[in-house]
Amino acid sequence: MSPTNPFPFVDKESGATIVDERCTCGHYRSVHVDTAAWGHGACVATVAVHDHTGPCKCGKFTWSAWVFQATGKPHVKSKRKRARR
């Protein structure tokens, strides 16, 4: 049985629709290989480095940000609150 895609889903706090997640390699979770969890394996994206292209060297998905439907841009949602001055 293969893992299921968890997207899209609605963030309960903001009401925004989350359509993907960004990895620390800069690519979306949807371009990572499935393991026991959907999209948690190696990245399969092709990257351009100087004058040649090759596979991304990311060995496993590591979360860095949510990707929202409205903007399509990554956004880090931190649980920490700023200290008052």
PDB file of N, CA and C in Angstrom:
ATOM      1  N   MET A   1       0.840  -1.183   0.000  1.00  0.00           N
ATOM      2  CA  MET A   1       0.000   0.000   0.000  1.00  0.00           C
ATOM      3  C   MET A   1       0.882   1.243   0.000  1.00  0.00           C
ATOM      4  N   SER A   2       0.652   2.126  -0.942  1.00  0.00           N
ATOM      5  CA  SER A   2       1.468   3.335  -1.016  1.00  0.00           C
ATOM      6  C   SER A   2       0.881   4.442  -0.142  1.00  0.00           C
ATOM      7  N   PRO A   3       1.756   5.325   0.364  1.00  0.00           N
ATOM      8  CA  PRO A   3       1.277   6.420   1.211  1.00  0.00           C
ATOM      9  C   PRO A   3       0.425   7.405   0.414  1.00  0.00           C
ATOM     10  N   THR A   4      -0.498   8.071   1.091  1.00  0.00           N
ATOM     11  CA  THR A   4      -1.395   9.002   0.411  1.00  0.00           C
ATOM     12  C   THR A   4      -0.893  10.438   0.514  1.00  0.00           C
ATOM     13  N   ASN A   5      -1.197  11.209  -0.500  1.00  0.00           N
ATOM     14  CA  ASN A   5      -0.849  12.619  -0.557  1.00  0.00           C
ATOM     15  C   ASN A   5      -1.720  13.392   0.440  1.00  0.00           C
ATOM     16  N   PRO A   6      -1.113  14.120   1.396  1.00  0.00           N
ATOM     17  CA  PRO A   6      -1.901  14.839   2.398  1.00  0.00           C
ATOM     18  C   PRO A   6      -2.417  16.199   1.927  1.00  0.00           C
ATOM     19  N   PHE A   7      -2.098  16.599   0.717  1.00  0.00           N
ATOM     20  CA  PHE A   7      -2.454  17.934   0.238  1.00  0.00           C
ATOM     21  C   PHE A   7      -3.597  17.883  -0.759  1.00  0.00           C
ATOM     22  N   PRO A   8      -4.374  18.957  -0.862  1.00  0.00           N
ATOM     23  CA  PRO A   8      -4.328  20.159  -0.043  1.00  0.00           C
ATOM     24  C   PRO A   8      -5.050  19.940   1.278  1.00  0.00           C
ATOM     25  N   PHE A   9      -4.735  20.804   2.241  1.00  0.00           N
ATOM     26  CA  PHE A   9      -5.488  20.823   3.489  1.00  0.00           C
ATOM     27  C   PHE A   9      -5.556  22.254   4.004  1.00  0.00           C
ATOM     28  N   VAL A  10      -6.518  22.517   4.859  1.00  0.00           N
ATOM     29  CA  VAL A  10      -6.737  23.866   5.382  1.00  0.00           C
ATOM     30  C   VAL A  10      -6.096  23.986   6.754  1.00  0.00           C
ATOM     31  N   ASP A  11      -5.279  25.033   6.916  1.00  0.00           N
ATOM     32  CA  ASP A  11      -4.657  25.330   8.198  1.00  0.00           C
ATOM     33  C   ASP A  11      -5.742  25.807   9.150  1.00  0.00           C
ATOM     34  N   LYS A  12      -5.906  25.131  10.266  1.00  0.00           N
ATOM     35  CA  LYS A  12      -6.972  25.451  11.206  1.00  0.00           C
ATOM     36  C   LYS A  12      -6.823  26.844  11.820  1.00  0.00           C
ATOM     37  N   GLU A  13      -5.596  27.278  12.001  1.00  0.00           N
ATOM     38  CA  GLU A  13      -5.340  28.567  12.639  1.00  0.00           C
ATOM     39  C   GLU A  13      -5.640  29.751  11.716  1.00  0.00           C
ATOM     40  N   SER A  14      -5.175  29.680  10.469  1.00  0.00           N
ATOM     41  CA  SER A  14      -5.312  30.821   9.560  1.00  0.00           C
ATOM     42  C   SER A  14      -6.445  30.669   8.553  1.00  0.00           C
ATOM     43  N   GLY A  15      -6.878  29.433   8.312  1.00  0.00           N
ATOM     44  CA  GLY A  15      -7.905  29.184   7.309  1.00  0.00           C
ATOM     45  C   GLY A  15      -7.355  29.112   5.891  1.00  0.00           C
ATOM     46  N   ALA A  16      -6.041  29.264   5.730  1.00  0.00           N
ATOM     47  CA  ALA A  16      -5.404  29.221   4.410  1.00  0.00           C
ATOM     48  C   ALA A  16      -5.256  27.775   3.941  1.00  0.00           C
ATOM     49  N   THR A  17      -5.289  27.583   2.631  1.00  0.00           N
ATOM     50  CA  THR A  17      -5.114  26.258   2.050  1.00  0.00           C
ATOM     51  C   THR A  17      -3.633  26.011   1.771  1.00  0.00           C
ATOM     52  N   ILE A  18      -3.111  24.929   2.326  1.00  0.00           N
ATOM     53  CA  ILE A  18      -1.718  24.549   2.128  1.00  0.00           C
ATOM     54  C   ILE A  18      -1.674  23.491   1.033  1.00  0.00           C
ATOM     55  N   VAL A  19      -0.889  23.756  -0.014  1.00  0.00           N
ATOM     56  CA  VAL A  19      -0.864  22.863  -1.172  1.00  0.00           C
ATOM     57  C   VAL A  19       0.400  22.020  -1.285  1.00  0.00           C
ATOM     58  N   ASP A  20       1.434  22.359  -0.531  1.00  0.00           N
ATOM     59  CA  ASP A  20       2.674  21.584  -0.557  1.00  0.00           C
ATOM     60  C   ASP A  20       3.571  22.073   0.578  1.00  0.00           C
ATOM     61  N   GLU A  21       4.744  21.470   0.688  1.00  0.00           N
ATOM     62  CA  GLU A  21       5.732  21.898   1.675  1.00  0.00           C
ATOM     63  C   GLU A  21       7.064  22.086   0.969  1.00  0.00           C
ATOM     64  N   ARG A  22       7.898  22.953   1.494  1.00  0.00           N
ATOM     65  CA  ARG A  22       9.211  23.212   0.920  1.00  0.00           C
ATOM     66  C   ARG A  22      10.246  22.473   1.752  1.00  0.00           C
ATOM     67  N   CYS A  23      11.211  21.859   1.071  1.00  0.00           N
ATOM     68  CA  CYS A  23      12.322  21.148   1.710  1.00  0.00           C
ATOM     69  C   CYS A  23      13.491  22.109   1.877  1.00  0.00           C
ATOM     70  N   THR A  24      14.431  21.769   2.738  1.00  0.00           N
ATOM     71  CA  THR A  24      15.628  22.596   2.902  1.00  0.00           C
ATOM     72  C   THR A  24      16.472  22.632   1.631  1.00  0.00           C
ATOM     73  N   CYS A  25      16.272  21.678   0.707  1.00  0.00           N
ATOM     74  CA  CYS A  25      17.000  21.701  -0.572  1.00  0.00           C
ATOM     75  C   CYS A  25      16.404  22.743  -1.518  1.00  0.00           C
ATOM     76  N   GLY A  26      15.222  23.281  -1.167  1.00  0.00           N
ATOM     77  CA  GLY A  26      14.583  24.302  -1.989  1.00  0.00           C
ATOM     78  C   GLY A  26      13.477  23.787  -2.887  1.00  0.00           C
ATOM     79  N   HIS A  27      13.297  22.464  -2.950  1.00  0.00           N
ATOM     80  CA  HIS A  27      12.259  21.876  -3.798  1.00  0.00           C
ATOM     81  C   HIS A  27      11.050  21.478  -2.953  1.00  0.00           C
ATOM     82  N   TYR A  28       9.937  21.242  -3.650  1.00  0.00           N
ATOM     83  CA  TYR A  28       8.707  20.861  -2.963  1.00  0.00           C
ATOM     84  C   TYR A  28       8.727  19.394  -2.542  1.00  0.00           C
ATOM     85  N   ARG A  29       7.939  19.089  -1.512  1.00  0.00           N
ATOM     86  CA  ARG A  29       7.812  17.707  -1.037  1.00  0.00           C
ATOM     87  C   ARG A  29       7.254  16.807  -2.131  1.00  0.00           C
ATOM     88  N   SER A  30       6.438  17.357  -3.012  1.00  0.00           N
ATOM     89  CA  SER A  30       5.828  16.571  -4.085  1.00  0.00           C
ATOM     90  C   SER A  30       6.839  16.065  -5.113  1.00  0.00           C
ATOM     91  N   VAL A  31       8.086  16.572  -5.112  1.00  0.00           N
ATOM     92  CA  VAL A  31       9.106  16.048  -6.022  1.00  0.00           C
ATOM     93  C   VAL A  31      10.117  15.173  -5.289  1.00  0.00           C
ATOM     94  N   HIS A  32       9.746  14.695  -4.105  1.00  0.00           N
ATOM     95  CA  HIS A  32      10.560  13.747  -3.349  1.00  0.00           C
ATOM     96  C   HIS A  32       9.917  12.365  -3.447  1.00  0.00           C
ATOM     97  N   VAL A  33      10.733  11.340  -3.443  1.00  0.00           N
ATOM     98  CA  VAL A  33      10.271   9.956  -3.547  1.00  0.00           C
ATOM     99  C   VAL A  33       9.502   9.571  -2.281  1.00  0.00           C
ATOM    100  N   ASP A  34       8.477   8.745  -2.467  1.00  0.00           N
ATOM    101  CA  ASP A  34       7.726   8.232  -1.317  1.00  0.00           C
ATOM    102  C   ASP A  34       8.554   7.180  -0.576  1.00  0.00           C
ATOM    103  N   THR A  35       8.456   7.207   0.745  1.00  0.00           N
ATOM    104  CA  THR A  35       9.015   6.141   1.589  1.00  0.00           C
ATOM    105  C   THR A  35       7.821   5.599   2.358  1.00  0.00           C
ATOM    106  N   ALA A  36       7.966   5.336   3.638  1.00  0.00           N
ATOM    107  CA  ALA A  36       6.809   4.931   4.443  1.00  0.00           C
ATOM    108  C   ALA A  36       5.815   6.082   4.530  1.00  0.00           C
ATOM    109  N   ALA A  37       6.318   7.313   4.396  1.00  0.00           N
ATOM    110  CA  ALA A  37       5.469   8.511   4.373  1.00  0.00           C
ATOM    111  C   ALA A  37       5.564   9.161   2.995  1.00  0.00           C
ATOM    112  N   TRP A  38       4.485   9.789   2.557  1.00  0.00           N
ATOM    113  CA  TRP A  38       4.432  10.412   1.240  1.00  0.00           C
ATOM    114  C   TRP A  38       5.486  11.510   1.119  1.00  0.00           C
ATOM    115  N   GLY A  39       6.342  11.412   0.092  1.00  0.00           N
ATOM    116  CA  GLY A  39       7.299  12.450  -0.231  1.00  0.00           C
ATOM    117  C   GLY A  39       8.432  12.656   0.754  1.00  0.00           C
ATOM    118  N   HIS A  40       8.801  11.664   1.535  1.00  0.00           N
ATOM    119  CA  HIS A  40       9.865  11.838   2.533  1.00  0.00           C
ATOM    120  C   HIS A  40      11.202  11.242   2.113  1.00  0.00           C
ATOM    121  N   GLY A  41      11.315  10.790   0.872  1.00  0.00           N
ATOM    122  CA  GLY A  41      12.563  10.211   0.397  1.00  0.00           C
ATOM    123  C   GLY A  41      13.446  11.219  -0.311  1.00  0.00           C
ATOM    124  N   ALA A  42      14.301  10.719  -1.189  1.00  0.00           N
ATOM    125  CA  ALA A  42      15.252  11.557  -1.917  1.00  0.00           C
ATOM    126  C   ALA A  42      14.537  12.467  -2.917  1.00  0.00           C
ATOM    127  N   CYS A  43      15.137  13.609  -3.182  1.00  0.00           N
ATOM    128  CA  CYS A  43      14.607  14.573  -4.145  1.00  0.00           C
ATOM    129  C   CYS A  43      14.922  14.089  -5.561  1.00  0.00           C
ATOM    130  N   VAL A  44      13.955  14.194  -6.461  1.00  0.00           N
ATOM    131  CA  VAL A  44      14.161  13.779  -7.847  1.00  0.00           C
ATOM    132  C   VAL A  44      14.209  14.967  -8.802  1.00  0.00           C
ATOM    133  N   ALA A  45      14.293  16.171  -8.270  1.00  0.00           N
ATOM    134  CA  ALA A  45      14.358  17.366  -9.117  1.00  0.00           C
ATOM    135  C   ALA A  45      15.717  17.459  -9.804  1.00  0.00           C
ATOM    136  N   THR A  46      15.724  18.087 -10.953  1.00  0.00           N
ATOM    137  CA  THR A  46      16.965  18.360 -11.669  1.00  0.00           C
ATOM    138  C   THR A  46      17.350  19.804 -11.401  1.00  0.00           C
ATOM    139  N   VAL A  47      18.605  20.022 -11.081  1.00  0.00           N
ATOM    140  CA  VAL A  47      19.066  21.373 -10.773  1.00  0.00           C
ATOM    141  C   VAL A  47      20.119  21.816 -11.779  1.00  0.00           C
ATOM    142  N   ALA A  48      20.123  23.094 -12.069  1.00  0.00           N
ATOM    143  CA  ALA A  48      21.137  23.670 -12.958  1.00  0.00           C
ATOM    144  C   ALA A  48      22.243  24.259 -12.091  1.00  0.00           C
ATOM    145  N   VAL A  49      23.459  23.800 -12.307  1.00  0.00           N
ATOM    146  CA  VAL A  49      24.611  24.301 -11.572  1.00  0.00           C
ATOM    147  C   VAL A  49      25.628  24.807 -12.589  1.00  0.00           C
ATOM    148  N   HIS A  50      25.825  26.111 -12.599  1.00  0.00           N
ATOM    149  CA  HIS A  50      26.735  26.767 -13.545  1.00  0.00           C
ATOM    150  C   HIS A  50      26.380  26.387 -14.981  1.00  0.00           C
ATOM    151  N   ASP A  51      27.182  25.597 -15.656  1.00  0.00           N
ATOM    152  CA  ASP A  51      26.931  25.298 -17.069  1.00  0.00           C
ATOM    153  C   ASP A  51      26.419  23.875 -17.322  1.00  0.00           C
ATOM    154  N   HIS A  52      26.000  23.172 -16.281  1.00  0.00           N
ATOM    155  CA  HIS A  52      25.462  21.825 -16.492  1.00  0.00           C
ATOM    156  C   HIS A  52      24.283  21.570 -15.557  1.00  0.00           C
ATOM    157  N   THR A  53      23.513  20.535 -15.850  1.00  0.00           N
ATOM    158  CA  THR A  53      22.394  20.154 -14.991  1.00  0.00           C
ATOM    159  C   THR A  53      22.650  18.771 -14.424  1.00  0.00           C
ATOM    160  N   GLY A  54      22.011  18.504 -13.302  1.00  0.00           N
ATOM    161  CA  GLY A  54      22.159  17.203 -12.670  1.00  0.00           C
ATOM    162  C   GLY A  54      21.103  17.013 -11.602  1.00  0.00           C
ATOM    163  N   PRO A  55      21.072  15.834 -10.998  1.00  0.00           N
ATOM    164  CA  PRO A  55      20.064  15.572  -9.968  1.00  0.00           C
ATOM    165  C   PRO A  55      20.356  16.341  -8.681  1.00  0.00           C
ATOM    166  N   CYS A  56      19.307  16.668  -7.959  1.00  0.00           N
ATOM    167  CA  CYS A  56      19.454  17.297  -6.647  1.00  0.00           C
ATOM    168  C   CYS A  56      20.117  16.281  -5.715  1.00  0.00           C
ATOM    169  N   LYS A  57      20.981  16.727  -4.850  1.00  0.00           N
ATOM    170  CA  LYS A  57      21.717  15.818  -3.965  1.00  0.00           C
ATOM    171  C   LYS A  57      21.032  15.588  -2.614  1.00  0.00           C
ATOM    172  N   CYS A  58      19.792  16.059  -2.493  1.00  0.00           N
ATOM    173  CA  CYS A  58      19.038  15.899  -1.248  1.00  0.00           C
ATOM    174  C   CYS A  58      18.667  14.425  -1.060  1.00  0.00           C
ATOM    175  N   GLY A  59      19.064  13.835   0.047  1.00  0.00           N
ATOM    176  CA  GLY A  59      18.804  12.423   0.300  1.00  0.00           C
ATOM    177  C   GLY A  59      17.483  12.117   0.951  1.00  0.00           C
ATOM    178  N   LYS A  60      16.878  13.124   1.620  1.00  0.00           N
ATOM    179  CA  LYS A  60      15.564  12.936   2.237  1.00  0.00           C
ATOM    180  C   LYS A  60      14.922  14.282   2.495  1.00  0.00           C
ATOM    181  N   PHE A  61      13.595  14.290   2.528  1.00  0.00           N
ATOM    182  CA  PHE A  61      12.841  15.511   2.740  1.00  0.00           C
ATOM    183  C   PHE A  61      13.036  16.010   4.166  1.00  0.00           C
ATOM    184  N   THR A  62      13.362  17.291   4.285  1.00  0.00           N
ATOM    185  CA  THR A  62      13.453  17.959   5.588  1.00  0.00           C
ATOM    186  C   THR A  62      12.641  19.239   5.485  1.00  0.00           C
ATOM    187  N   TRP A  63      11.600  19.364   6.285  1.00  0.00           N
ATOM    188  CA  TRP A  63      10.659  20.478   6.192  1.00  0.00           C
ATOM    189  C   TRP A  63      11.325  21.813   6.471  1.00  0.00           C
ATOM    190  N   SER A  64      10.957  22.823   5.655  1.00  0.00           N
ATOM    191  CA  SER A  64      11.417  24.183   5.941  1.00  0.00           C
ATOM    192  C   SER A  64      10.294  25.206   5.870  1.00  0.00           C
ATOM    193  N   ALA A  65       9.213  24.940   5.123  1.00  0.00           N
ATOM    194  CA  ALA A  65       8.124  25.919   5.015  1.00  0.00           C
ATOM    195  C   ALA A  65       6.875  25.296   4.397  1.00  0.00           C
ATOM    196  N   TRP A  66       5.726  25.929   4.667  1.00  0.00           N
ATOM    197  CA  TRP A  66       4.477  25.566   4.017  1.00  0.00           C
ATOM    198  C   TRP A  66       4.403  26.306   2.689  1.00  0.00           C
ATOM    199  N   VAL A  67       3.675  25.771   1.721  1.00  0.00           N
ATOM    200  CA  VAL A  67       3.410  26.472   0.468  1.00  0.00           C
ATOM    201  C   VAL A  67       1.890  26.659   0.384  1.00  0.00           C
ATOM    202  N   PHE A  68       1.466  27.926   0.369  1.00  0.00           N
ATOM    203  CA  PHE A  68       0.046  28.251   0.376  1.00  0.00           C
ATOM    204  C   PHE A  68      -0.521  28.380  -1.033  1.00  0.00           C
ATOM    205  N   GLN A  69      -1.795  28.064  -1.197  1.00  0.00           N
ATOM    206  CA  GLN A  69      -2.450  28.080  -2.495  1.00  0.00           C
ATOM    207  C   GLN A  69      -2.507  29.475  -3.102  1.00  0.00           C
ATOM    208  N   ALA A  70      -2.837  30.474  -2.335  1.00  0.00           N
ATOM    209  CA  ALA A  70      -3.033  31.822  -2.875  1.00  0.00           C
ATOM    210  C   ALA A  70      -1.773  32.391  -3.514  1.00  0.00           C
ATOM    211  N   THR A  71      -0.635  32.199  -2.879  1.00  0.00           N
ATOM    212  CA  THR A  71       0.589  32.808  -3.382  1.00  0.00           C
ATOM    213  C   THR A  71       1.480  31.826  -4.114  1.00  0.00           C
ATOM    214  N   GLY A  72       1.432  30.543  -3.751  1.00  0.00           N
ATOM    215  CA  GLY A  72       2.332  29.563  -4.330  1.00  0.00           C
ATOM    216  C   GLY A  72       3.753  29.721  -3.832  1.00  0.00           C
ATOM    217  N   LYS A  73       3.938  30.620  -2.867  1.00  0.00           N
ATOM    218  CA  LYS A  73       5.265  30.878  -2.323  1.00  0.00           C
ATOM    219  C   LYS A  73       5.392  30.235  -0.948  1.00  0.00           C
ATOM    220  N   PRO A  74       6.595  29.826  -0.582  1.00  0.00           N
ATOM    221  CA  PRO A  74       6.776  29.229   0.737  1.00  0.00           C
ATOM    222  C   PRO A  74       6.622  30.254   1.848  1.00  0.00           C
ATOM    223  N   HIS A  75       6.136  29.807   2.972  1.00  0.00           N
ATOM    224  CA  HIS A  75       5.967  30.664   4.130  1.00  0.00           C
ATOM    225  C   HIS A  75       6.231  29.817   5.367  1.00  0.00           C
ATOM    226  N   VAL A  76       7.106  30.288   6.231  1.00  0.00           N
ATOM    227  CA  VAL A  76       7.393  29.566   7.462  1.00  0.00           C
ATOM    228  C   VAL A  76       6.426  30.048   8.523  1.00  0.00           C
ATOM    229  N   LYS A  77       5.704  29.107   9.099  1.00  0.00           N
ATOM    230  CA  LYS A  77       4.763  29.432  10.147  1.00  0.00           C
ATOM    231  C   LYS A  77       5.401  29.045  11.469  1.00  0.00           C
ATOM    232  N   SER A  78       5.849  30.028  12.202  1.00  0.00           N
ATOM    233  CA  SER A  78       6.540  29.763  13.461  1.00  0.00           C
ATOM    234  C   SER A  78       5.569  29.784  14.621  1.00  0.00           C
ATOM    235  N   LYS A  79       5.773  28.900  15.557  1.00  0.00           N
ATOM    236  CA  LYS A  79       4.939  28.880  16.753  1.00  0.00           C
ATOM    237  C   LYS A  79       5.464  29.842  17.817  1.00  0.00           C
ATOM    238  N   ARG A  80       6.701  30.295  17.629  1.00  0.00           N
ATOM    239  CA  ARG A  80       7.276  31.229  18.596  1.00  0.00           C
ATOM    240  C   ARG A  80       6.703  32.612  18.417  1.00  0.00           C
ATOM    241  N   LYS A  81       6.465  33.309  19.496  1.00  0.00           N
ATOM    242  CA  LYS A  81       5.965  34.671  19.434  1.00  0.00           C
ATOM    243  C   LYS A  81       7.101  35.624  19.750  1.00  0.00           C
ATOM    244  N   ARG A  82       7.055  36.791  19.124  1.00  0.00           N
ATOM    245  CA  ARG A  82       8.072  37.784  19.376  1.00  0.00           C
ATOM    246  C   ARG A  82       7.961  38.344  20.789  1.00  0.00           C
ATOM    247  N   ALA A  83       9.090  38.592  21.384  1.00  0.00           N
ATOM    248  CA  ALA A  83       9.097  39.183  22.728  1.00  0.00           C
ATOM    249  C   ALA A  83       8.751  40.661  22.618  1.00  0.00           C
ATOM    250  N   ARG A  84       7.970  41.133  23.550  1.00  0.00           N
ATOM    251  CA  ARG A  84       7.643  42.566  23.574  1.00  0.00           C
ATOM    252  C   ARG A  84       8.814  43.361  24.080  1.00  0.00           C
ATOM    253  N   ARG A  85       8.975  44.536  23.550  1.00  0.00           N
ATOM    254  CA  ARG A  85      10.069  45.422  23.992  1.00  0.00           C
ATOM    255  C   ARG A  85       9.559  46.480  24.902  1.00  0.00           C
TER     256      ARG A  85
END
